[in-house]
């Protein structure tokens, strides 16, 4: 039977802060959603926001948060 103290010890080292790459990606994605769906700008360089957000999210997934805080 598992002891409650074991679970607590195992989760003490978990890092809970988000890094700048993820925050930037989410901010760019929110800005793209607002510009495209609220301001109705459907074409042009506004999609560079979306492309940059996707690249930053992919970078976050591939590199990960541990050991790399940009």
N, C-alpha and C. Protein backbone atom coordinates (compact mmCIF):
# COMPACT_ATOMS: atom_id res chain seq x y z
N UNK A 1 0.84 -1.18 0.00
CA UNK A 1 0.00 0.00 0.00
C UNK A 1 0.89 1.25 0.00
N UNK A 2 0.54 2.21 -0.80
CA UNK A 2 1.35 3.43 -0.93
C UNK A 2 1.14 4.32 0.28
N UNK A 3 2.21 4.94 0.71
CA UNK A 3 2.14 5.85 1.84
C UNK A 3 1.98 7.28 1.32
N UNK A 4 1.17 8.09 1.99
CA UNK A 4 0.96 9.47 1.53
C UNK A 4 2.25 10.28 1.46
N UNK A 5 3.19 10.03 2.35
CA UNK A 5 4.46 10.77 2.34
C UNK A 5 5.28 10.53 1.09
N UNK A 6 5.17 9.36 0.51
CA UNK A 6 5.92 9.03 -0.70
C UNK A 6 5.46 9.88 -1.88
N UNK A 7 4.16 10.06 -1.99
CA UNK A 7 3.63 10.86 -3.09
C UNK A 7 4.09 12.30 -2.96
N UNK A 8 4.07 12.83 -1.74
CA UNK A 8 4.48 14.22 -1.52
C UNK A 8 5.95 14.41 -1.87
N UNK A 9 6.79 13.48 -1.46
CA UNK A 9 8.21 13.58 -1.75
C UNK A 9 8.48 13.53 -3.25
N UNK A 10 7.73 12.72 -3.94
CA UNK A 10 7.95 12.57 -5.37
C UNK A 10 7.61 13.84 -6.14
N UNK A 11 6.66 14.63 -5.64
CA UNK A 11 6.21 15.83 -6.36
C UNK A 11 6.87 17.11 -5.87
N UNK A 12 7.77 17.03 -4.90
CA UNK A 12 8.41 18.24 -4.40
C UNK A 12 9.32 18.89 -5.43
N UNK A 13 9.96 18.11 -6.30
CA UNK A 13 10.91 18.67 -7.26
C UNK A 13 10.29 19.11 -8.57
N UNK A 14 8.99 19.06 -8.70
CA UNK A 14 8.34 19.43 -9.96
C UNK A 14 8.36 20.94 -10.13
N UNK A 15 8.84 21.38 -11.28
CA UNK A 15 8.91 22.81 -11.57
C UNK A 15 7.60 23.26 -12.17
N UNK A 16 6.99 24.30 -11.60
CA UNK A 16 5.65 24.71 -12.02
C UNK A 16 5.63 26.00 -12.81
N UNK A 17 6.76 26.67 -12.96
CA UNK A 17 6.72 27.95 -13.68
C UNK A 17 6.82 27.74 -15.19
N UNK A 18 6.18 28.62 -15.92
CA UNK A 18 6.19 28.55 -17.37
C UNK A 18 7.37 29.36 -17.89
N UNK A 19 7.91 28.96 -19.01
CA UNK A 19 9.04 29.74 -19.53
C UNK A 19 8.58 30.76 -20.57
N UNK A 20 9.48 31.63 -20.97
CA UNK A 20 9.13 32.73 -21.86
C UNK A 20 8.71 32.26 -23.25
N UNK A 21 9.23 31.12 -23.69
CA UNK A 21 8.84 30.61 -25.00
C UNK A 21 7.37 30.27 -25.03
N UNK A 22 6.89 29.59 -24.01
CA UNK A 22 5.48 29.22 -23.96
C UNK A 22 4.59 30.44 -23.79
N UNK A 23 4.99 31.35 -22.94
CA UNK A 23 4.20 32.58 -22.73
C UNK A 23 4.13 33.39 -24.02
N UNK A 24 5.25 33.50 -24.74
CA UNK A 24 5.26 34.24 -26.00
C UNK A 24 4.37 33.57 -27.05
N UNK A 25 4.42 32.26 -27.11
CA UNK A 25 3.61 31.53 -28.08
C UNK A 25 2.12 31.73 -27.81
N UNK A 26 1.74 31.66 -26.55
CA UNK A 26 0.33 31.86 -26.20
C UNK A 26 -0.10 33.29 -26.48
N UNK A 27 0.74 34.26 -26.17
CA UNK A 27 0.41 35.67 -26.42
C UNK A 27 0.25 35.93 -27.92
N UNK A 28 1.15 35.38 -28.73
CA UNK A 28 1.04 35.56 -30.18
C UNK A 28 -0.21 34.89 -30.74
N UNK A 29 -0.54 33.73 -30.21
CA UNK A 29 -1.74 33.03 -30.67
C UNK A 29 -3.00 33.80 -30.30
N UNK A 30 -3.03 34.36 -29.11
CA UNK A 30 -4.18 35.18 -28.70
C UNK A 30 -4.28 36.43 -29.56
N UNK A 31 -3.15 37.07 -29.84
CA UNK A 31 -3.15 38.26 -30.71
C UNK A 31 -3.66 37.91 -32.10
N UNK A 32 -3.24 36.75 -32.64
CA UNK A 32 -3.70 36.33 -33.96
C UNK A 32 -5.20 36.09 -33.96
N UNK A 33 -5.70 35.43 -32.91
CA UNK A 33 -7.15 35.17 -32.82
C UNK A 33 -7.92 36.47 -32.77
N UNK A 34 -7.45 37.43 -31.99
CA UNK A 34 -8.15 38.72 -31.88
C UNK A 34 -8.13 39.45 -33.21
N UNK A 35 -6.99 39.49 -33.88
CA UNK A 35 -6.90 40.22 -35.15
C UNK A 35 -7.72 39.56 -36.24
N UNK A 36 -7.67 38.23 -36.32
CA UNK A 36 -8.37 37.54 -37.42
C UNK A 36 -9.87 37.47 -37.18
N UNK A 37 -10.28 37.10 -35.96
CA UNK A 37 -11.71 36.85 -35.74
C UNK A 37 -12.47 38.04 -35.17
N UNK A 38 -11.80 38.99 -34.54
CA UNK A 38 -12.49 40.16 -33.99
C UNK A 38 -12.35 41.35 -34.94
N UNK A 39 -11.14 41.60 -35.42
CA UNK A 39 -10.92 42.74 -36.31
C UNK A 39 -11.17 42.37 -37.77
N UNK A 40 -11.38 41.09 -38.06
CA UNK A 40 -11.70 40.60 -39.41
C UNK A 40 -10.63 40.95 -40.45
N UNK A 41 -9.37 40.83 -40.06
CA UNK A 41 -8.27 40.96 -41.01
C UNK A 41 -7.89 39.53 -41.38
N UNK A 42 -8.31 39.10 -42.56
CA UNK A 42 -8.18 37.69 -42.89
C UNK A 42 -6.99 37.31 -43.74
N UNK A 43 -6.25 38.28 -44.25
CA UNK A 43 -5.12 37.92 -45.10
C UNK A 43 -3.95 38.87 -44.83
N UNK A 44 -2.81 38.46 -45.33
CA UNK A 44 -1.64 39.32 -45.20
C UNK A 44 -0.69 38.88 -44.11
N UNK A 45 0.14 39.80 -43.66
CA UNK A 45 1.19 39.46 -42.71
C UNK A 45 0.69 39.11 -41.31
N UNK A 46 -0.61 39.22 -41.07
CA UNK A 46 -1.14 38.84 -39.76
C UNK A 46 -0.90 37.35 -39.48
N UNK A 47 -0.77 36.57 -40.52
CA UNK A 47 -0.56 35.14 -40.34
C UNK A 47 0.87 34.80 -39.92
N UNK A 48 1.75 35.78 -39.97
CA UNK A 48 3.09 35.58 -39.42
C UNK A 48 3.03 35.40 -37.90
N UNK A 49 2.05 36.03 -37.26
CA UNK A 49 1.85 35.82 -35.83
C UNK A 49 1.53 34.36 -35.54
N UNK A 50 0.64 33.79 -36.35
CA UNK A 50 0.25 32.39 -36.19
C UNK A 50 1.43 31.46 -36.44
N UNK A 51 2.18 31.74 -37.50
CA UNK A 51 3.33 30.89 -37.84
C UNK A 51 4.39 30.95 -36.74
N UNK A 52 4.64 32.13 -36.20
CA UNK A 52 5.62 32.28 -35.14
C UNK A 52 5.16 31.56 -33.87
N UNK A 53 3.87 31.66 -33.57
CA UNK A 53 3.33 30.97 -32.39
C UNK A 53 3.48 29.46 -32.52
N UNK A 54 3.22 28.93 -33.70
CA UNK A 54 3.36 27.49 -33.91
C UNK A 54 4.81 27.05 -33.79
N UNK A 55 5.72 27.84 -34.34
CA UNK A 55 7.15 27.50 -34.23
C UNK A 55 7.60 27.52 -32.77
N UNK A 56 7.16 28.52 -32.01
CA UNK A 56 7.53 28.60 -30.61
C UNK A 56 6.94 27.45 -29.80
N UNK A 57 5.70 27.06 -30.10
CA UNK A 57 5.10 25.91 -29.42
C UNK A 57 5.84 24.62 -29.76
N UNK A 58 6.20 24.46 -31.02
CA UNK A 58 6.94 23.26 -31.42
C UNK A 58 8.31 23.24 -30.74
N UNK A 59 8.94 24.39 -30.65
CA UNK A 59 10.24 24.48 -29.97
C UNK A 59 10.11 24.09 -28.50
N UNK A 60 9.04 24.54 -27.88
CA UNK A 60 8.78 24.21 -26.48
C UNK A 60 8.58 22.70 -26.30
N UNK A 61 7.86 22.08 -27.22
CA UNK A 61 7.60 20.64 -27.13
C UNK A 61 8.89 19.85 -27.37
N UNK A 62 9.66 20.23 -28.36
CA UNK A 62 10.86 19.47 -28.71
C UNK A 62 11.95 19.65 -27.66
N UNK A 63 12.21 20.88 -27.26
CA UNK A 63 13.29 21.15 -26.32
C UNK A 63 12.84 20.87 -24.89
N UNK A 64 11.61 21.21 -24.56
CA UNK A 64 11.09 20.99 -23.23
C UNK A 64 11.46 22.11 -22.27
N UNK A 65 10.88 22.07 -21.09
CA UNK A 65 11.11 23.13 -20.11
C UNK A 65 12.33 22.85 -19.25
N UNK A 66 12.62 21.59 -18.99
CA UNK A 66 13.72 21.27 -18.08
C UNK A 66 15.06 21.59 -18.73
N UNK A 67 15.84 22.39 -18.10
CA UNK A 67 17.18 22.71 -18.58
C UNK A 67 17.22 23.83 -19.61
N UNK A 68 16.07 24.30 -20.08
CA UNK A 68 16.05 25.37 -21.07
C UNK A 68 14.97 26.36 -20.70
N UNK A 69 15.36 27.44 -20.10
CA UNK A 69 14.42 28.51 -19.79
C UNK A 69 14.86 29.72 -20.59
N UNK A 70 14.12 30.02 -21.65
CA UNK A 70 14.52 31.12 -22.52
C UNK A 70 14.08 32.45 -21.97
